[in-house]
PDB file of all heavy atoms in Angstrom:
ATOM      1  N   LEU A   1      -0.053   2.854  -8.374  1.00  0.00           N
ATOM      2  CA  LEU A   1      -1.070   3.558  -7.597  1.00  0.00           C
ATOM      3  C   LEU A   1      -1.714   4.675  -8.407  1.00  0.00           C
ATOM      4  O   LEU A   1      -1.035   5.410  -9.118  1.00  0.00           O
ATOM      5  CB  LEU A   1      -0.448   4.145  -6.324  1.00  0.00           C
ATOM      6  CG  LEU A   1       0.208   3.144  -5.362  1.00  0.00           C
ATOM      7  CD1 LEU A   1       0.747   3.868  -4.132  1.00  0.00           C
ATOM      8  CD2 LEU A   1      -0.766   2.051  -4.960  1.00  0.00           C
ATOM      9  N   ARG A   2      -3.019   4.787  -8.279  1.00  0.00           N
ATOM     10  CA  ARG A   2      -3.762   5.853  -8.968  1.00  0.00           C
ATOM     11  C   ARG A   2      -3.975   7.012  -7.988  1.00  0.00           C
ATOM     12  O   ARG A   2      -5.082   7.236  -7.482  1.00  0.00           O
ATOM     13  CB  ARG A   2      -5.100   5.304  -9.482  1.00  0.00           C
ATOM     14  CG  ARG A   2      -4.940   4.206 -10.517  1.00  0.00           C
ATOM     15  CD  ARG A   2      -6.281   3.708 -11.030  1.00  0.00           C
ATOM     16  NE  ARG A   2      -7.061   3.099  -9.965  1.00  0.00           N
ATOM     17  CZ  ARG A   2      -6.948   1.834  -9.595  1.00  0.00           C
ATOM     18  NH1 ARG A   2      -6.066   1.047 -10.188  1.00  0.00           N
ATOM     19  NH2 ARG A   2      -7.694   1.342  -8.633  1.00  0.00           N
ATOM     20  N   VAL A   3      -2.879   7.721  -7.740  1.00  0.00           N
ATOM     21  CA  VAL A   3      -2.879   8.794  -6.745  1.00  0.00           C
ATOM     22  C   VAL A   3      -2.182  10.008  -7.341  1.00  0.00           C
ATOM     23  O   VAL A   3      -1.087   9.894  -7.893  1.00  0.00           O
ATOM     24  CB  VAL A   3      -2.148   8.359  -5.455  1.00  0.00           C
ATOM     25  CG1 VAL A   3      -2.060   9.514  -4.477  1.00  0.00           C
ATOM     26  CG2 VAL A   3      -2.864   7.174  -4.805  1.00  0.00           C
ATOM     27  N   ASP A   4      -2.813  11.172  -7.243  1.00  0.00           N
ATOM     28  CA  ASP A   4      -2.193  12.410  -7.703  1.00  0.00           C
ATOM     29  C   ASP A   4      -1.721  13.213  -6.498  1.00  0.00           C
ATOM     30  O   ASP A   4      -2.155  12.970  -5.366  1.00  0.00           O
ATOM     31  CB  ASP A   4      -3.184  13.228  -8.544  1.00  0.00           C
ATOM     32  CG  ASP A   4      -4.414  13.625  -7.751  1.00  0.00           C
ATOM     33  OD1 ASP A   4      -4.355  14.639  -7.034  1.00  0.00           O
ATOM     34  OD2 ASP A   4      -5.439  12.897  -7.828  1.00  0.00           O
ATOM     35  N   PRO A   5      -0.826  14.178  -6.693  1.00  0.00           N
ATOM     36  CA  PRO A   5      -0.261  14.922  -5.569  1.00  0.00           C
ATOM     37  C   PRO A   5      -1.303  15.628  -4.698  1.00  0.00           C
ATOM     38  O   PRO A   5      -1.175  15.665  -3.472  1.00  0.00           O
ATOM     39  CB  PRO A   5       0.673  15.931  -6.240  1.00  0.00           C
ATOM     40  CG  PRO A   5       1.041  15.292  -7.534  1.00  0.00           C
ATOM     41  CD  PRO A   5      -0.172  14.539  -7.977  1.00  0.00           C
ATOM     42  N   VAL A   6      -2.345  16.197  -5.304  1.00  0.00           N
ATOM     43  CA  VAL A   6      -3.360  16.914  -4.524  1.00  0.00           C
ATOM     44  C   VAL A   6      -4.130  15.951  -3.632  1.00  0.00           C
ATOM     45  O   VAL A   6      -4.317  16.184  -2.427  1.00  0.00           O
ATOM     46  CB  VAL A   6      -4.321  17.671  -5.459  1.00  0.00           C
ATOM     47  CG1 VAL A   6      -5.458  18.308  -4.634  1.00  0.00           C
ATOM     48  CG2 VAL A   6      -3.572  18.738  -6.237  1.00  0.00           C
ATOM     49  N   SER A   7      -4.578  14.831  -4.205  1.00  0.00           N
ATOM     50  CA  SER A   7      -5.313  13.843  -3.418  1.00  0.00           C
ATOM     51  C   SER A   7      -4.456  13.307  -2.286  1.00  0.00           C
ATOM     52  O   SER A   7      -4.934  13.103  -1.163  1.00  0.00           O
ATOM     53  CB  SER A   7      -5.775  12.690  -4.309  1.00  0.00           C
ATOM     54  OG  SER A   7      -6.642  13.143  -5.318  1.00  0.00           O
ATOM     55  N   SER A   8      -3.176  13.081  -2.598  1.00  0.00           N
ATOM     56  CA  SER A   8      -2.273  12.559  -1.578  1.00  0.00           C
ATOM     57  C   SER A   8      -2.070  13.565  -0.453  1.00  0.00           C
ATOM     58  O   SER A   8      -2.046  13.210   0.724  1.00  0.00           O
ATOM     59  CB  SER A   8      -0.932  12.204  -2.224  1.00  0.00           C
ATOM     60  OG  SER A   8      -0.049  11.674  -1.272  1.00  0.00           O
ATOM     61  N   ALA A   9      -1.936  14.847  -0.806  1.00  0.00           N
ATOM     62  CA  ALA A   9      -1.715  15.887   0.211  1.00  0.00           C
ATOM     63  C   ALA A   9      -2.880  15.973   1.186  1.00  0.00           C
ATOM     64  O   ALA A   9      -2.684  16.211   2.389  1.00  0.00           O
ATOM     65  CB  ALA A   9      -1.490  17.232  -0.472  1.00  0.00           C
ATOM     66  N   PHE A  10      -4.098  15.765   0.675  1.00  0.00           N
ATOM     67  CA  PHE A  10      -5.284  15.843   1.532  1.00  0.00           C
ATOM     68  C   PHE A  10      -5.716  14.478   2.049  1.00  0.00           C
ATOM     69  O   PHE A  10      -6.735  14.387   2.752  1.00  0.00           O
ATOM     70  CB  PHE A  10      -6.435  16.493   0.757  1.00  0.00           C
ATOM     71  CG  PHE A  10      -6.268  17.964   0.550  1.00  0.00           C
ATOM     72  CD1 PHE A  10      -5.738  18.457  -0.631  1.00  0.00           C
ATOM     73  CD2 PHE A  10      -6.608  18.863   1.561  1.00  0.00           C
ATOM     74  CE1 PHE A  10      -5.564  19.827  -0.815  1.00  0.00           C
ATOM     75  CE2 PHE A  10      -6.440  20.233   1.377  1.00  0.00           C
ATOM     76  CZ  PHE A  10      -5.912  20.721   0.181  1.00  0.00           C
ATOM     77  N   SER A  11      -4.945  13.446   1.731  1.00  0.00           N
ATOM     78  CA  SER A  11      -5.231  12.089   2.195  1.00  0.00           C
ATOM     79  C   SER A  11      -6.698  11.730   1.994  1.00  0.00           C
ATOM     80  O   SER A  11      -7.393  11.307   2.920  1.00  0.00           O
ATOM     81  CB  SER A  11      -4.852  11.954   3.688  1.00  0.00           C
ATOM     82  OG  SER A  11      -4.902  10.608   4.096  1.00  0.00           O
ATOM     83  N   LEU A  12      -7.166  11.892   0.782  1.00  0.00           N
ATOM     84  CA  LEU A  12      -8.551  11.592   0.450  1.00  0.00           C
ATOM     85  C   LEU A  12      -8.827  10.094   0.590  1.00  0.00           C
ATOM     86  O   LEU A  12      -7.906   9.279   0.572  1.00  0.00           O
ATOM     87  CB  LEU A  12      -8.861  12.059  -0.971  1.00  0.00           C
ATOM     88  CG  LEU A  12      -8.738  13.575  -1.204  1.00  0.00           C
ATOM     89  CD1 LEU A  12      -9.059  13.917  -2.653  1.00  0.00           C
ATOM     90  CD2 LEU A  12      -9.639  14.357  -0.244  1.00  0.00           C
ATOM     91  N   PRO A  13     -10.096   9.712   0.745  1.00  0.00           N
ATOM     92  CA  PRO A  13     -10.429   8.304   0.998  1.00  0.00           C
ATOM     93  C   PRO A  13      -9.849   7.330  -0.021  1.00  0.00           C
ATOM     94  O   PRO A  13      -9.365   6.261   0.354  1.00  0.00           O
ATOM     95  CB  PRO A  13     -11.956   8.301   0.969  1.00  0.00           C
ATOM     96  CG  PRO A  13     -12.334   9.672   1.415  1.00  0.00           C
ATOM     97  CD  PRO A  13     -11.295  10.579   0.842  1.00  0.00           C
ATOM     98  N   HIS A  14      -9.887   7.693  -1.322  1.00  0.00           N
ATOM     99  CA  HIS A  14      -9.371   6.744  -2.303  1.00  0.00           C
ATOM    100  C   HIS A  14      -7.856   6.579  -2.192  1.00  0.00           C
ATOM    101  O   HIS A  14      -7.302   5.528  -2.539  1.00  0.00           O
ATOM    102  CB  HIS A  14      -9.768   7.163  -3.731  1.00  0.00           C
ATOM    103  CG  HIS A  14      -8.923   8.234  -4.333  1.00  0.00           C
ATOM    104  ND1 HIS A  14      -9.140   9.577  -4.103  1.00  0.00           N
ATOM    105  CD2 HIS A  14      -7.843   8.162  -5.163  1.00  0.00           C
ATOM    106  CE1 HIS A  14      -8.250  10.279  -4.772  1.00  0.00           C
ATOM    107  NE2 HIS A  14      -7.450   9.462  -5.422  1.00  0.00           N
ATOM    108  N   VAL A  15      -7.178   7.621  -1.677  1.00  0.00           N
ATOM    109  CA  VAL A  15      -5.737   7.522  -1.455  1.00  0.00           C
ATOM    110  C   VAL A  15      -5.455   6.520  -0.353  1.00  0.00           C
ATOM    111  O   VAL A  15      -4.584   5.647  -0.477  1.00  0.00           O
ATOM    112  CB  VAL A  15      -5.140   8.898  -1.104  1.00  0.00           C
ATOM    113  CG1 VAL A  15      -3.667   8.752  -0.709  1.00  0.00           C
ATOM    114  CG2 VAL A  15      -5.288   9.862  -2.264  1.00  0.00           C
ATOM    115  N   ARG A  16      -6.208   6.624   0.740  1.00  0.00           N
ATOM    116  CA  ARG A  16      -6.021   5.677   1.843  1.00  0.00           C
ATOM    117  C   ARG A  16      -6.332   4.253   1.402  1.00  0.00           C
ATOM    118  O   ARG A  16      -5.660   3.302   1.805  1.00  0.00           O
ATOM    119  CB  ARG A  16      -6.886   6.092   3.030  1.00  0.00           C
ATOM    120  CG  ARG A  16      -6.481   7.434   3.649  1.00  0.00           C
ATOM    121  CD  ARG A  16      -7.133   7.646   5.006  1.00  0.00           C
ATOM    122  NE  ARG A  16      -8.591   7.754   4.900  1.00  0.00           N
ATOM    123  CZ  ARG A  16      -9.242   8.888   4.677  1.00  0.00           C
ATOM    124  NH1 ARG A  16      -8.544  10.026   4.518  1.00  0.00           N
ATOM    125  NH2 ARG A  16     -10.554   8.917   4.612  1.00  0.00           N
ATOM    126  N   GLN A  17      -7.335   4.114   0.547  1.00  0.00           N
ATOM    127  CA  GLN A  17      -7.676   2.788   0.034  1.00  0.00           C
ATOM    128  C   GLN A  17      -6.546   2.223  -0.826  1.00  0.00           C
ATOM    129  O   GLN A  17      -6.202   1.033  -0.720  1.00  0.00           O
ATOM    130  CB  GLN A  17      -8.967   2.854  -0.775  1.00  0.00           C
ATOM    131  CG  GLN A  17      -9.431   1.506  -1.292  1.00  0.00           C
ATOM    132  CD  GLN A  17     -10.747   1.609  -2.049  1.00  0.00           C
ATOM    133  OE1 GLN A  17     -11.335   2.685  -2.164  1.00  0.00           O
ATOM    134  NE2 GLN A  17     -11.218   0.488  -2.566  1.00  0.00           N
ATOM    135  N   GLU A  18      -5.973   3.067  -1.679  1.00  0.00           N
ATOM    136  CA  GLU A  18      -4.853   2.638  -2.504  1.00  0.00           C
ATOM    137  C   GLU A  18      -3.664   2.222  -1.635  1.00  0.00           C
ATOM    138  O   GLU A  18      -3.002   1.214  -1.907  1.00  0.00           O
ATOM    139  CB  GLU A  18      -4.430   3.763  -3.452  1.00  0.00           C
ATOM    140  CG  GLU A  18      -5.410   4.046  -4.575  1.00  0.00           C
ATOM    141  CD  GLU A  18      -5.237   3.103  -5.756  1.00  0.00           C
ATOM    142  OE1 GLU A  18      -4.109   2.580  -5.942  1.00  0.00           O
ATOM    143  OE2 GLU A  18      -6.209   2.876  -6.477  1.00  0.00           O
ATOM    144  N   GLU A  19      -3.402   3.003  -0.594  1.00  0.00           N
ATOM    145  CA  GLU A  19      -2.270   2.701   0.285  1.00  0.00           C
ATOM    146  C   GLU A  19      -2.489   1.390   1.028  1.00  0.00           C
ATOM    147  O   GLU A  19      -1.552   0.602   1.201  1.00  0.00           O
ATOM    148  CB  GLU A  19      -2.056   3.854   1.263  1.00  0.00           C
ATOM    149  CG  GLU A  19      -1.535   5.128   0.601  1.00  0.00           C
ATOM    150  CD  GLU A  19      -1.472   6.305   1.550  1.00  0.00           C
ATOM    151  OE1 GLU A  19      -2.078   6.219   2.645  1.00  0.00           O
ATOM    152  OE2 GLU A  19      -0.831   7.315   1.191  1.00  0.00           O
ATOM    153  N   ARG A  20      -3.730   1.142   1.479  1.00  0.00           N
ATOM    154  CA  ARG A  20      -4.029  -0.129   2.143  1.00  0.00           C
ATOM    155  C   ARG A  20      -3.851  -1.295   1.170  1.00  0.00           C
ATOM    156  O   ARG A  20      -3.327  -2.350   1.532  1.00  0.00           O
ATOM    157  CB  ARG A  20      -5.450  -0.124   2.698  1.00  0.00           C
ATOM    158  CG  ARG A  20      -5.636   0.727   3.948  1.00  0.00           C
ATOM    159  CD  ARG A  20      -6.967   0.434   4.620  1.00  0.00           C
ATOM    160  NE  ARG A  20      -8.097   0.765   3.756  1.00  0.00           N
ATOM    161  CZ  ARG A  20      -8.695   1.960   3.739  1.00  0.00           C
ATOM    162  NH1 ARG A  20      -8.263   2.935   4.524  1.00  0.00           N
ATOM    163  NH2 ARG A  20      -9.723   2.188   2.930  1.00  0.00           N
ATOM    164  N   GLY A  21      -4.279  -1.087  -0.075  1.00  0.00           N
ATOM    165  CA  GLY A  21      -4.109  -2.139  -1.076  1.00  0.00           C
ATOM    166  C   GLY A  21      -2.651  -2.435  -1.346  1.00  0.00           C
ATOM    167  O   GLY A  21      -2.259  -3.603  -1.493  1.00  0.00           O
ATOM    168  N   ALA A  22      -1.832  -1.384  -1.426  1.00  0.00           N
ATOM    169  CA  ALA A  22      -0.399  -1.569  -1.676  1.00  0.00           C
ATOM    170  C   ALA A  22       0.261  -2.312  -0.522  1.00  0.00           C
ATOM    171  O   ALA A  22       1.089  -3.209  -0.731  1.00  0.00           O
ATOM    172  CB  ALA A  22       0.272  -0.209  -1.875  1.00  0.00           C
ATOM    173  N   ARG A  23      -0.118  -1.953   0.706  1.00  0.00           N
ATOM    174  CA  ARG A  23       0.461  -2.624   1.873  1.00  0.00           C
ATOM    175  C   ARG A  23       0.034  -4.095   1.913  1.00  0.00           C
ATOM    176  O   ARG A  23       0.843  -4.977   2.215  1.00  0.00           O
ATOM    177  CB  ARG A  23       0.028  -1.904   3.151  1.00  0.00           C
ATOM    178  CG  ARG A  23       0.683  -2.427   4.424  1.00  0.00           C
ATOM    179  CD  ARG A  23       0.368  -1.501   5.588  1.00  0.00           C
ATOM    180  NE  ARG A  23       1.024  -0.212   5.410  1.00  0.00           N
ATOM    181  CZ  ARG A  23       2.220   0.075   5.912  1.00  0.00           C
ATOM    182  NH1 ARG A  23       2.888  -0.832   6.604  1.00  0.00           N
ATOM    183  NH2 ARG A  23       2.750   1.261   5.719  1.00  0.00           N
ATOM    184  N   GLY A  24      -1.217  -4.354   1.570  1.00  0.00           N
ATOM    185  CA  GLY A  24      -1.690  -5.732   1.538  1.00  0.00           C
ATOM    186  C   GLY A  24      -0.956  -6.559   0.495  1.00  0.00           C
ATOM    187  O   GLY A  24      -0.578  -7.711   0.731  1.00  0.00           O
ATOM    188  N   ARG A  25      -0.745  -5.958  -0.682  1.00  0.00           N
ATOM    189  CA  ARG A  25      -0.004  -6.634  -1.737  1.00  0.00           C
ATOM    190  C   ARG A  25       1.425  -6.923  -1.283  1.00  0.00           C
ATOM    191  O   ARG A  25       1.961  -8.015  -1.510  1.00  0.00           O
ATOM    192  CB  ARG A  25       0.011  -5.766  -2.997  1.00  0.00           C
ATOM    193  CG  ARG A  25       0.982  -6.185  -4.083  1.00  0.00           C
ATOM    194  CD  ARG A  25       0.573  -7.462  -4.760  1.00  0.00           C
ATOM    195  NE  ARG A  25       1.412  -7.735  -5.924  1.00  0.00           N
ATOM    196  CZ  ARG A  25       1.315  -8.793  -6.686  1.00  0.00           C
ATOM    197  NH1 ARG A  25       0.384  -9.696  -6.415  1.00  0.00           N
ATOM    198  NH2 ARG A  25       2.125  -8.964  -7.718  1.00  0.00           N
ATOM    199  N   ALA A  26       2.056  -5.938  -0.628  1.00  0.00           N
ATOM    200  CA  ALA A  26       3.425  -6.114  -0.149  1.00  0.00           C
ATOM    201  C   ALA A  26       3.511  -7.267   0.845  1.00  0.00           C
ATOM    202  O   ALA A  26       4.425  -8.092   0.773  1.00  0.00           O
ATOM    203  CB  ALA A  26       3.935  -4.823   0.474  1.00  0.00           C
ATOM    204  N   MET A  27       2.564  -7.338   1.753  1.00  0.00           N
ATOM    205  CA  MET A  27       2.599  -8.403   2.749  1.00  0.00           C
ATOM    206  C   MET A  27       2.356  -9.767   2.107  1.00  0.00           C
ATOM    207  O   MET A  27       2.923 -10.782   2.539  1.00  0.00           O
ATOM    208  CB  MET A  27       1.576  -8.132   3.851  1.00  0.00           C
ATOM    209  CG  MET A  27       1.902  -6.897   4.699  1.00  0.00           C
ATOM    210  SD  MET A  27       3.616  -6.858   5.343  1.00  0.00           S
ATOM    211  CE  MET A  27       3.632  -8.345   6.372  1.00  0.00           C
ATOM    212  N   ASP A  28       1.542  -9.813   1.063  1.00  0.00           N
ATOM    213  CA  ASP A  28       1.336 -11.069   0.334  1.00  0.00           C
ATOM    214  C   ASP A  28       2.642 -11.542  -0.306  1.00  0.00           C
ATOM    215  O   ASP A  28       3.003 -12.731  -0.222  1.00  0.00           O
ATOM    216  CB  ASP A  28       0.268 -10.894  -0.748  1.00  0.00           C
ATOM    217  CG  ASP A  28      -1.139 -10.820  -0.192  1.00  0.00           C
ATOM    218  OD1 ASP A  28      -1.330 -11.188   0.988  1.00  0.00           O
ATOM    219  OD2 ASP A  28      -2.044 -10.380  -0.930  1.00  0.00           O
ATOM    220  N   VAL A  29       3.350 -10.610  -0.952  1.00  0.00           N
ATOM    221  CA  VAL A  29       4.605 -10.960  -1.612  1.00  0.00           C
ATOM    222  C   VAL A  29       5.658 -11.338  -0.576  1.00  0.00           C
ATOM    223  O   VAL A  29       6.406 -12.315  -0.745  1.00  0.00           O
ATOM    224  CB  VAL A  29       5.101  -9.794  -2.495  1.00  0.00           C
ATOM    225  CG1 VAL A  29       6.499 -10.087  -3.043  1.00  0.00           C
ATOM    226  CG2 VAL A  29       4.130  -9.555  -3.646  1.00  0.00           C
ATOM    227  N   ILE A  30       5.713 -10.592   0.506  1.00  0.00           N
ATOM    228  CA  ILE A  30       6.647 -10.902   1.588  1.00  0.00           C
ATOM    229  C   ILE A  30       6.384 -12.308   2.122  1.00  0.00           C
ATOM    230  O   ILE A  30       7.313 -13.096   2.353  1.00  0.00           O
ATOM    231  CB  ILE A  30       6.524  -9.846   2.713  1.00  0.00           C
ATOM    232  CG1 ILE A  30       7.244  -8.555   2.276  1.00  0.00           C
ATOM    233  CG2 ILE A  30       7.106 -10.363   4.029  1.00  0.00           C
ATOM    234  CD1 ILE A  30       7.019  -7.384   3.218  1.00  0.00           C
ATOM    235  N   GLY A  31       5.112 -12.628   2.307  1.00  0.00           N
ATOM    236  CA  GLY A  31       4.766 -13.952   2.797  1.00  0.00           C
ATOM    237  C   GLY A  31       5.144 -15.044   1.808  1.00  0.00           C
ATOM    238  O   GLY A  31       5.686 -16.096   2.193  1.00  0.00           O
ATOM    239  N   TYR A  32       4.890 -14.802   0.536  1.00  0.00           N
ATOM    240  CA  TYR A  32       5.174 -15.814  -0.474  1.00  0.00           C
ATOM    241  C   TYR A  32       6.671 -16.113  -0.551  1.00  0.00           C
ATOM    242  O   TYR A  32       7.070 -17.277  -0.730  1.00  0.00           O
ATOM    243  CB  TYR A  32       4.668 -15.362  -1.837  1.00  0.00           C
ATOM    244  CG  TYR A  32       4.903 -16.387  -2.913  1.00  0.00           C
ATOM    245  CD1 TYR A  32       4.070 -17.502  -3.035  1.00  0.00           C
ATOM    246  CD2 TYR A  32       5.979 -16.262  -3.786  1.00  0.00           C
ATOM    247  CE1 TYR A  32       4.309 -18.466  -4.004  1.00  0.00           C
ATOM    248  CE2 TYR A  32       6.219 -17.230  -4.755  1.00  0.00           C
ATOM    249  CZ  TYR A  32       5.383 -18.321  -4.862  1.00  0.00           C
ATOM    250  OH  TYR A  32       5.631 -19.277  -5.804  1.00  0.00           O
ATOM    251  N   LEU A  33       7.501 -15.092  -0.408  1.00  0.00           N
ATOM    252  CA  LEU A  33       8.950 -15.271  -0.516  1.00  0.00           C
ATOM    253  C   LEU A  33       9.616 -15.552   0.828  1.00  0.00           C
ATOM    254  O   LEU A  33      10.845 -15.567   0.924  1.00  0.00           O
ATOM    255  CB  LEU A  33       9.581 -14.038  -1.173  1.00  0.00           C
ATOM    256  CG  LEU A  33       9.254 -13.862  -2.655  1.00  0.00           C
ATOM    257  CD1 LEU A  33       9.851 -12.579  -3.192  1.00  0.00           C
ATOM    258  CD2 LEU A  33       9.749 -15.049  -3.465  1.00  0.00           C
ATOM    259  N   GLY A  34       8.817 -15.762   1.863  1.00  0.00           N
ATOM    260  CA  GLY A  34       9.368 -16.123   3.160  1.00  0.00           C
ATOM    261  C   GLY A  34      10.141 -15.012   3.837  1.00  0.00           C
ATOM    262  O   GLY A  34      11.094 -15.260   4.589  1.00  0.00           O
ATOM    263  N   LEU A  35       9.716 -13.773   3.610  1.00  0.00           N
ATOM    264  CA  LEU A  35      10.426 -12.621   4.171  1.00  0.00           C
ATOM    265  C   LEU A  35       9.745 -12.031   5.403  1.00  0.00           C
ATOM    266  O   LEU A  35      10.134 -10.955   5.866  1.00  0.00           O
ATOM    267  CB  LEU A  35      10.567 -11.532   3.097  1.00  0.00           C
ATOM    268  CG  LEU A  35      11.480 -11.865   1.918  1.00  0.00           C
ATOM    269  CD1 LEU A  35      11.309 -10.841   0.796  1.00  0.00           C
ATOM    270  CD2 LEU A  35      12.937 -11.934   2.364  1.00  0.00           C
ATOM    271  N   GLU A  36       8.747 -12.726   5.941  1.00  0.00           N
ATOM    272  CA  GLU A  36       8.011 -12.165   7.086  1.00  0.00           C
ATOM    273  C   GLU A  36       8.908 -11.751   8.254  1.00  0.00           C
ATOM    274  O   GLU A  36       8.693 -10.672   8.837  1.00  0.00           O
ATOM    275  CB  GLU A  36       6.957 -13.158   7.607  1.00  0.00           C
ATOM    276  CG  GLU A  36       5.903 -13.540   6.617  1.00  0.00           C
ATOM    277  CD  GLU A  36       6.180 -14.909   6.023  1.00  0.00           C
ATOM    278  OE1 GLU A  36       7.368 -15.189   5.738  1.00  0.00           O
ATOM    279  OE2 GLU A  36       5.215 -15.665   5.839  1.00  0.00           O
ATOM    280  N   PRO A  37       9.943 -12.538   8.600  1.00  0.00           N
ATOM    281  CA  PRO A  37      10.782 -12.130   9.745  1.00  0.00           C
ATOM    282  C   PRO A  37      11.546 -10.831   9.507  1.00  0.00           C
ATOM    283  O   PRO A  37      12.065 -10.238  10.462  1.00  0.00           O
ATOM    284  CB  PRO A  37      11.758 -13.305   9.902  1.00  0.00           C
ATOM    285  CG  PRO A  37      11.110 -14.457   9.213  1.00  0.00           C
ATOM    286  CD  PRO A  37      10.354 -13.848   8.074  1.00  0.00           C
ATOM    287  N   TYR A  38      11.626 -10.400   8.243  1.00  0.00           N
ATOM    288  CA  TYR A  38      12.450  -9.243   7.905  1.00  0.00           C
ATOM    289  C   TYR A  38      11.638  -8.026   7.478  1.00  0.00           C
ATOM    290  O   TYR A  38      12.223  -6.998   7.119  1.00  0.00           O
ATOM    291  CB  TYR A  38      13.418  -9.603   6.774  1.00  0.00           C
ATOM    292  CG  TYR A  38      14.144 -10.898   6.970  1.00  0.00           C
ATOM    293  CD1 TYR A  38      13.811 -12.032   6.231  1.00  0.00           C
ATOM    294  CD2 TYR A  38      15.166 -11.007   7.909  1.00  0.00           C
ATOM    295  CE1 TYR A  38      14.479 -13.233   6.415  1.00  0.00           C
ATOM    296  CE2 TYR A  38      15.841 -12.205   8.103  1.00  0.00           C
ATOM    297  CZ  TYR A  38      15.482 -13.312   7.346  1.00  0.00           C
ATOM    298  OH  TYR A  38      16.144 -14.494   7.531  1.00  0.00           O
ATOM    299  N   ALA A  39      10.321  -8.106   7.527  1.00  0.00           N
ATOM    300  CA  ALA A  39       9.482  -7.044   6.966  1.00  0.00           C
ATOM    301  C   ALA A  39       9.817  -5.673   7.537  1.00  0.00           C
ATOM    302  O   ALA A  39       9.825  -4.672   6.825  1.00  0.00           O
ATOM    303  CB  ALA A  39       8.005  -7.359   7.179  1.00  0.00           C
TER     304      ALA A  39
END
């Protein structure tokens, strides 16, 4: 993630975008490995 402590503290738009991207990536990997019931 390209997030610094100041941006994260103020929850700037690019921070929220990075977090959404990370969550989307996690759900993709969870789906690929059949871990959806355990997320």
